[in-house]
Protein backbone atom coordinates (compact mmCIF):
# COMPACT_ATOMS: atom_id res chain seq x y z
CA MET A 1 95.38 166.92 20.25
CA GLU A 2 95.67 163.16 19.77
CA LYS A 3 98.53 161.56 21.88
CA THR A 4 101.14 159.48 20.04
CA PRO A 5 102.66 156.49 21.78
CA HIS A 6 105.92 158.50 22.07
CA SER A 7 104.07 161.40 23.94
CA GLU A 8 102.26 159.01 26.14
CA LYS A 9 105.53 157.57 27.16
CA ARG A 10 106.93 161.07 27.84
CA ASP A 11 103.69 161.72 30.01
CA SER A 12 104.39 158.47 32.12
CA TYR A 13 107.94 159.47 32.77
CA HIS A 14 106.61 162.83 33.84
CA HIS A 15 104.55 161.02 36.41
CA GLY A 16 107.45 159.47 37.92
CA ASP A 17 108.01 156.36 35.95
CA LEU A 18 111.36 157.44 34.42
CA ARG A 19 113.46 156.49 37.35
CA SER A 20 111.93 152.94 37.55
CA GLN A 21 112.30 152.49 33.77
CA LEU A 22 116.00 153.50 33.88
CA ILE A 23 116.68 151.20 36.79
CA GLU A 24 115.06 148.37 34.99
CA ALA A 25 116.96 149.08 31.76
CA THR A 26 120.26 149.12 33.76
CA ARG A 27 119.37 146.01 35.62
CA ALA A 28 118.77 144.13 32.25
CA LEU A 29 122.05 145.44 30.91
CA VAL A 30 123.92 144.38 34.04
CA GLU A 31 122.48 140.80 33.61
CA GLU A 32 123.35 140.76 29.94
CA LYS A 33 126.73 142.36 30.05
CA GLY A 34 127.88 142.59 33.58
CA PRO A 35 128.40 145.76 35.71
CA ASP A 36 131.77 146.61 34.08
CA HIS A 37 130.22 146.88 30.57
CA PHE A 38 127.11 148.77 31.42
CA SER A 39 126.69 152.27 29.74
CA VAL A 40 124.29 154.95 30.48
CA SER A 41 123.68 155.69 26.75
CA GLU A 42 122.56 152.08 26.19
CA ALA A 43 120.34 152.14 29.24
CA CYS A 44 118.75 155.40 27.77
CA ARG A 45 118.22 153.61 24.44
CA ARG A 46 116.63 150.71 26.22
CA ALA A 47 114.26 153.10 28.10
CA GLY A 48 113.55 155.14 25.02
CA VAL A 49 114.67 158.42 26.48
CA SER A 50 117.48 160.94 25.57
CA THR A 51 120.90 160.69 27.18
CA ALA A 52 120.18 163.73 29.41
CA ALA A 53 117.12 162.12 31.02
CA PRO A 54 118.90 160.01 33.64
CA TYR A 55 120.42 163.09 35.19
CA LYS A 56 117.08 164.26 36.42
CA HIS A 57 117.18 161.35 38.92
CA PHE A 58 120.83 160.21 39.08
CA LYS A 59 124.07 162.15 39.48
CA SER A 60 126.11 159.64 37.66
CA LYS A 61 126.50 156.17 36.19
CA GLU A 62 127.64 154.89 39.50
CA GLU A 63 124.50 156.07 41.15
CA MET A 64 122.28 154.20 38.61
CA LEU A 65 124.37 150.99 39.45
CA HIS A 66 123.84 151.66 43.11
CA ALA A 67 120.16 151.93 42.62
CA VAL A 68 120.09 148.58 40.84
CA ALA A 69 122.21 146.93 43.68
CA LEU A 70 119.86 148.41 46.28
CA ALA A 71 116.80 147.16 44.50
CA GLY A 72 118.36 143.73 44.34
CA MET A 73 119.17 143.73 48.02
CA VAL A 74 115.50 144.64 48.76
CA ARG A 75 114.29 141.88 46.50
CA GLN A 76 116.51 139.19 47.98
CA ARG A 77 115.32 140.16 51.50
CA GLU A 78 111.70 140.15 50.44
CA GLN A 79 112.11 136.78 48.92
CA MET A 80 113.79 135.53 52.09
CA LEU A 81 110.99 136.79 54.39
CA ALA A 82 108.29 135.30 51.99
CA GLU A 83 110.07 131.92 52.15
CA LEU A 84 110.25 131.99 56.00
CA GLU A 85 106.45 132.37 56.07
CA THR A 86 106.18 128.74 54.76
CA CYS A 87 108.19 127.33 57.66
CA THR A 88 107.48 126.57 61.39
CA PRO A 89 109.04 129.30 63.59
CA GLY A 90 112.18 127.98 65.50
CA THR A 91 113.04 125.17 63.21
CA LEU A 92 115.99 124.45 61.07
CA ASP A 93 113.72 124.44 58.12
CA ARG A 94 113.85 128.34 58.36
CA ILE A 95 117.59 128.15 58.09
CA VAL A 96 117.54 126.12 55.11
CA ALA A 97 114.93 128.28 53.54
CA MET A 98 117.14 131.30 54.08
CA GLY A 99 120.01 129.62 52.42
CA ARG A 100 117.80 128.30 49.41
CA VAL A 101 116.66 131.75 48.71
CA TYR A 102 120.20 133.26 48.98
CA VAL A 103 121.52 130.68 46.37
CA ARG A 104 118.51 130.88 44.08
CA PHE A 105 118.64 134.66 43.94
CA ALA A 106 122.34 134.47 42.90
CA VAL A 107 121.55 131.95 40.25
CA SER A 108 118.64 133.85 38.82
CA GLU A 109 120.21 137.23 38.96
CA PRO A 110 123.96 136.66 38.76
CA GLY A 111 124.78 140.09 37.23
CA VAL A 112 122.76 141.88 40.07
CA PHE A 113 124.22 139.53 42.76
CA ARG A 114 127.85 140.43 41.50
CA LEU A 115 127.01 144.05 41.65
CA MET A 116 125.53 143.93 45.12
CA PHE A 117 129.00 142.66 46.49
CA GLY A 118 131.12 144.41 43.93
CA LEU A 119 130.48 147.93 44.94
CA SER A 120 133.13 147.75 47.65
CA GLU A 121 135.05 150.99 47.23
CA ASP A 122 132.40 153.38 48.51
CA HIS A 123 129.81 150.80 49.82
CA ALA A 124 130.15 152.28 53.41
CA ASP A 125 129.39 155.86 52.02
CA HIS A 126 125.77 154.69 51.01
CA VAL A 127 123.67 154.45 54.14
CA ASP A 128 120.81 152.73 52.17
CA LEU A 129 123.13 149.88 51.05
CA VAL A 130 124.67 149.36 54.51
CA GLU A 131 121.19 149.45 56.37
CA THR A 132 119.66 147.09 53.87
CA GLY A 133 122.49 144.63 54.20
CA ASP A 134 122.35 144.85 57.98
CA ASN A 135 118.70 144.35 58.06
CA THR A 136 118.91 141.20 56.10
CA PHE A 137 121.73 139.74 58.18
CA ALA A 138 119.69 140.62 61.26
CA VAL A 139 116.96 138.42 59.97
CA VAL A 140 119.45 135.43 59.89
CA GLN A 141 120.77 136.27 63.35
CA ARG A 142 117.15 136.40 64.65
CA GLU A 143 116.33 132.99 63.12
CA VAL A 144 119.42 131.33 64.57
CA ALA A 145 118.48 132.68 68.06
CA ARG A 146 115.00 131.31 67.57
CA CYS A 147 116.36 127.96 66.86
CA ARG A 148 117.60 127.87 70.43
CA GLY A 149 114.34 129.11 71.78
CA SER A 150 115.27 132.69 72.46
CA MET A 151 113.94 135.91 70.91
CA THR A 152 117.15 137.78 71.97
CA VAL A 153 120.28 137.65 69.65
CA GLU A 154 123.45 136.88 71.53
CA GLU A 155 127.08 136.72 70.47
CA THR A 156 126.91 133.02 69.52
CA ASP A 157 123.96 133.66 67.17
CA VAL A 158 125.85 136.44 65.34
CA HIS A 159 128.83 134.02 65.02
CA GLN A 160 126.74 131.17 63.70
CA ALA A 161 124.77 133.55 61.36
CA PHE A 162 128.07 134.71 59.99
CA LEU A 163 129.12 131.07 59.39
CA LEU A 164 125.92 130.36 57.54
CA TRP A 165 126.23 133.47 55.27
CA SER A 166 129.86 132.82 54.53
CA PHE A 167 128.90 129.29 53.38
CA VAL A 168 125.92 130.28 51.20
CA HIS A 169 127.77 133.18 49.76
CA GLY A 170 130.76 131.06 48.77
CA LEU A 171 128.54 128.38 47.27
CA SER A 172 126.54 131.02 45.27
CA PHE A 173 129.67 132.27 43.69
CA LEU A 174 130.95 128.78 42.89
CA MET A 175 127.66 128.09 41.19
CA ILE A 176 127.35 131.30 39.12
CA ASP A 177 131.08 131.11 38.22
CA GLY A 178 130.55 127.51 36.87
CA LYS A 179 133.16 126.07 39.19
CA LEU A 180 131.04 123.11 40.01
CA THR A 181 130.21 122.03 36.50
CA ASP A 182 133.58 120.70 36.01
CA THR A 183 133.77 118.66 39.14
CA LYS A 184 132.83 115.07 39.57
CA MET A 185 130.95 115.91 42.71
CA PRO A 186 127.30 115.94 42.36
CA LEU A 187 125.45 118.82 44.15
CA ASP A 188 122.23 118.08 45.73
CA LEU A 189 121.66 121.65 47.02
CA GLU A 190 118.92 120.83 49.40
CA HIS A 191 120.91 118.19 51.03
CA VAL A 192 123.84 120.50 51.30
CA LEU A 193 121.89 123.23 52.89
CA VAL A 194 120.20 120.90 55.43
CA ASP A 195 123.89 119.47 56.35
CA ILE A 196 125.28 122.88 56.89
CA ALA A 197 122.32 124.10 58.98
CA GLN A 198 122.60 120.91 61.25
CA ARG A 199 126.37 121.29 61.48
CA VAL A 200 126.25 125.09 62.40
CA VAL A 201 122.99 125.53 64.18
CA GLY A 202 121.50 122.15 64.78
CA GLN A 203 124.05 120.58 67.14
CA GLY A 204 123.15 120.39 70.68
CA ARG A 205 119.56 121.79 70.02
């Protein structure tokens, strides 16, 4: 029996592709319409499946959004680690690189970025989200410690890592919310990231 494109699509879903197809469809809708306006039925239309199909892999609409948020967090961390590979260990260049990736991710995927930090009500109930976030923040803490020549993260490193994260997080939202476009202050992102790295981590080192 000759397979039609539709039957081939069903076969690919049967072999485990359905979940990733639905996550990608959901991600695209989140980027286009925002997390608050995403619907399961529209994601199904995008993926070319029935409205019953998602419930083979997800219990609810919220679970689909959590999957998109988790995938975004993983992508952001992977991009950060890749960028670090281009910089000399123990230097401020690595601090700047992490900030660059953070802002770049927010600007390139604003819908997913908002979703990652908008699932606040039950975020703590999802171990995978908490662990992924903690692992990413641990990378920042480790790089701060290496800037002072240590492989051991101490309390001062955690504090400085938090300051760095707070800065780039706020800057990211200012950028994706368009708050900087109406100001008369020109933004040289690289210069700003270098400045904050020197102020938070570089003094006395």
